[in-house]
């Protein structure tokens, strides 16, 4: 059984090329040297990178705590006797 070849519109091709370019730029910025190169700054040292990772973990943990406390306060507010 012969397959027919798919054809794409010009608009689709342009949009796909734009997404691919954005994806490549995001990957470059995600690399340790890429973000610094884009901003014209020096890359992070090992100590700075370790501190950054520690702080990101701490922020994530605190965000989880806040979300829990918001849910708990909403629960108790809804069940409070007036």
C-alpha atoms as a PDB file:
ATOM      1  CA  UNK A   1       0.000   0.000   0.000  1.00  0.00           C
ATOM      2  CA  UNK A   2       1.518   3.293  -1.078  1.00  0.00           C
ATOM      3  CA  UNK A   3       1.671   6.174   1.351  1.00  0.00           C
ATOM      4  CA  UNK A   4       0.811   9.667   0.284  1.00  0.00           C
ATOM      5  CA  UNK A   5       3.214  12.395   1.291  1.00  0.00           C
ATOM      6  CA  UNK A   6       1.880  14.991   3.688  1.00  0.00           C
ATOM      7  CA  UNK A   7       1.995  18.603   2.628  1.00  0.00           C
ATOM      8  CA  UNK A   8       2.202  21.527   5.021  1.00  0.00           C
ATOM      9  CA  UNK A   9       1.047  25.076   4.528  1.00  0.00           C
ATOM     10  CA  UNK A  10       3.499  27.949   4.428  1.00  0.00           C
ATOM     11  CA  UNK A  11       2.061  29.332   7.662  1.00  0.00           C
ATOM     12  CA  UNK A  12       2.684  26.016   9.402  1.00  0.00           C
ATOM     13  CA  UNK A  13       6.275  25.896   8.187  1.00  0.00           C
ATOM     14  CA  UNK A  14       6.952  29.457   9.349  1.00  0.00           C
ATOM     15  CA  UNK A  15       5.430  28.767  12.773  1.00  0.00           C
ATOM     16  CA  UNK A  16       7.413  25.549  13.121  1.00  0.00           C
ATOM     17  CA  UNK A  17      10.648  27.352  12.260  1.00  0.00           C
ATOM     18  CA  UNK A  18       9.871  30.059  14.828  1.00  0.00           C
ATOM     19  CA  UNK A  19       9.189  27.483  17.542  1.00  0.00           C
ATOM     20  CA  UNK A  20      12.386  25.656  16.690  1.00  0.00           C
ATOM     21  CA  UNK A  21      14.396  28.871  16.958  1.00  0.00           C
ATOM     22  CA  UNK A  22      12.816  29.762  20.307  1.00  0.00           C
ATOM     23  CA  UNK A  23      13.473  26.241  21.587  1.00  0.00           C
ATOM     24  CA  UNK A  24      17.135  26.488  20.592  1.00  0.00           C
ATOM     25  CA  UNK A  25      17.491  29.864  22.307  1.00  0.00           C
ATOM     26  CA  UNK A  26      15.877  28.510  25.466  1.00  0.00           C
ATOM     27  CA  UNK A  27      18.306  25.593  25.520  1.00  0.00           C
ATOM     28  CA  UNK A  28      21.249  27.953  25.074  1.00  0.00           C
ATOM     29  CA  UNK A  29      20.054  30.143  27.934  1.00  0.00           C
ATOM     30  CA  UNK A  30      19.557  27.094  30.111  1.00  0.00           C
ATOM     31  CA  UNK A  31      23.212  26.128  29.821  1.00  0.00           C
ATOM     32  CA  UNK A  32      25.475  27.593  32.524  1.00  0.00           C
ATOM     33  CA  UNK A  33      27.545  29.627  30.102  1.00  0.00           C
ATOM     34  CA  UNK A  34      24.698  30.451  27.714  1.00  0.00           C
ATOM     35  CA  UNK A  35      22.730  32.691  30.077  1.00  0.00           C
ATOM     36  CA  UNK A  36      25.851  34.583  31.071  1.00  0.00           C
ATOM     37  CA  UNK A  37      26.878  34.981  27.444  1.00  0.00           C
ATOM     38  CA  UNK A  38      23.466  36.371  26.495  1.00  0.00           C
ATOM     39  CA  UNK A  39      23.537  38.862  29.392  1.00  0.00           C
ATOM     40  CA  UNK A  40      27.215  39.757  29.010  1.00  0.00           C
ATOM     41  CA  UNK A  41      28.102  38.459  32.488  1.00  0.00           C
ATOM     42  CA  UNK A  42      30.611  35.962  33.813  1.00  0.00           C
ATOM     43  CA  UNK A  43      29.334  32.393  34.375  1.00  0.00           C
ATOM     44  CA  UNK A  44      28.581  31.277  37.927  1.00  0.00           C
ATOM     45  CA  UNK A  45      31.322  29.740  40.010  1.00  0.00           C
ATOM     46  CA  UNK A  46      30.846  26.305  41.572  1.00  0.00           C
ATOM     47  CA  UNK A  47      30.104  27.863  44.977  1.00  0.00           C
ATOM     48  CA  UNK A  48      27.534  30.252  43.472  1.00  0.00           C
ATOM     49  CA  UNK A  49      25.897  27.394  41.563  1.00  0.00           C
ATOM     50  CA  UNK A  50      25.676  25.304  44.759  1.00  0.00           C
ATOM     51  CA  UNK A  51      24.158  28.231  46.652  1.00  0.00           C
ATOM     52  CA  UNK A  52      21.682  28.869  43.835  1.00  0.00           C
ATOM     53  CA  UNK A  53      20.533  25.237  43.848  1.00  0.00           C
ATOM     54  CA  UNK A  54      20.177  25.284  47.650  1.00  0.00           C
ATOM     55  CA  UNK A  55      18.119  28.469  47.532  1.00  0.00           C
ATOM     56  CA  UNK A  56      15.892  27.125  44.747  1.00  0.00           C
ATOM     57  CA  UNK A  57      15.168  24.023  46.823  1.00  0.00           C
ATOM     58  CA  UNK A  58      14.408  26.201  49.826  1.00  0.00           C
ATOM     59  CA  UNK A  59      12.026  28.388  47.825  1.00  0.00           C
ATOM     60  CA  UNK A  60      10.240  25.318  46.433  1.00  0.00           C
ATOM     61  CA  UNK A  61       9.832  23.896  49.946  1.00  0.00           C
ATOM     62  CA  UNK A  62       8.499  27.194  51.270  1.00  0.00           C
ATOM     63  CA  UNK A  63       6.028  27.434  48.385  1.00  0.00           C
ATOM     64  CA  UNK A  64       4.733  23.959  49.269  1.00  0.00           C
ATOM     65  CA  UNK A  65       4.384  25.015  52.912  1.00  0.00           C
ATOM     66  CA  UNK A  66       2.468  28.155  51.918  1.00  0.00           C
ATOM     67  CA  UNK A  67       0.130  26.182  49.675  1.00  0.00           C
ATOM     68  CA  UNK A  68      -0.576  23.766  52.532  1.00  0.00           C
ATOM     69  CA  UNK A  69      -1.195  26.607  54.995  1.00  0.00           C
ATOM     70  CA  UNK A  70      -3.574  28.326  52.564  1.00  0.00           C
ATOM     71  CA  UNK A  71      -5.578  25.123  52.194  1.00  0.00           C
ATOM     72  CA  UNK A  72      -5.600  24.556  55.941  1.00  0.00           C
ATOM     73  CA  UNK A  73      -6.737  28.102  56.696  1.00  0.00           C
ATOM     74  CA  UNK A  74      -9.488  27.852  54.068  1.00  0.00           C
ATOM     75  CA  UNK A  75     -10.625  24.551  55.588  1.00  0.00           C
ATOM     76  CA  UNK A  76     -10.780  25.940  59.111  1.00  0.00           C
ATOM     77  CA  UNK A  77     -12.438  29.168  57.955  1.00  0.00           C
ATOM     78  CA  UNK A  78     -15.156  27.168  56.186  1.00  0.00           C
ATOM     79  CA  UNK A  79     -15.783  24.970  59.233  1.00  0.00           C
ATOM     80  CA  UNK A  80     -15.689  27.725  61.856  1.00  0.00           C
ATOM     81  CA  UNK A  81     -18.807  28.059  63.995  1.00  0.00           C
ATOM     82  CA  UNK A  82     -20.205  31.580  64.179  1.00  0.00           C
END
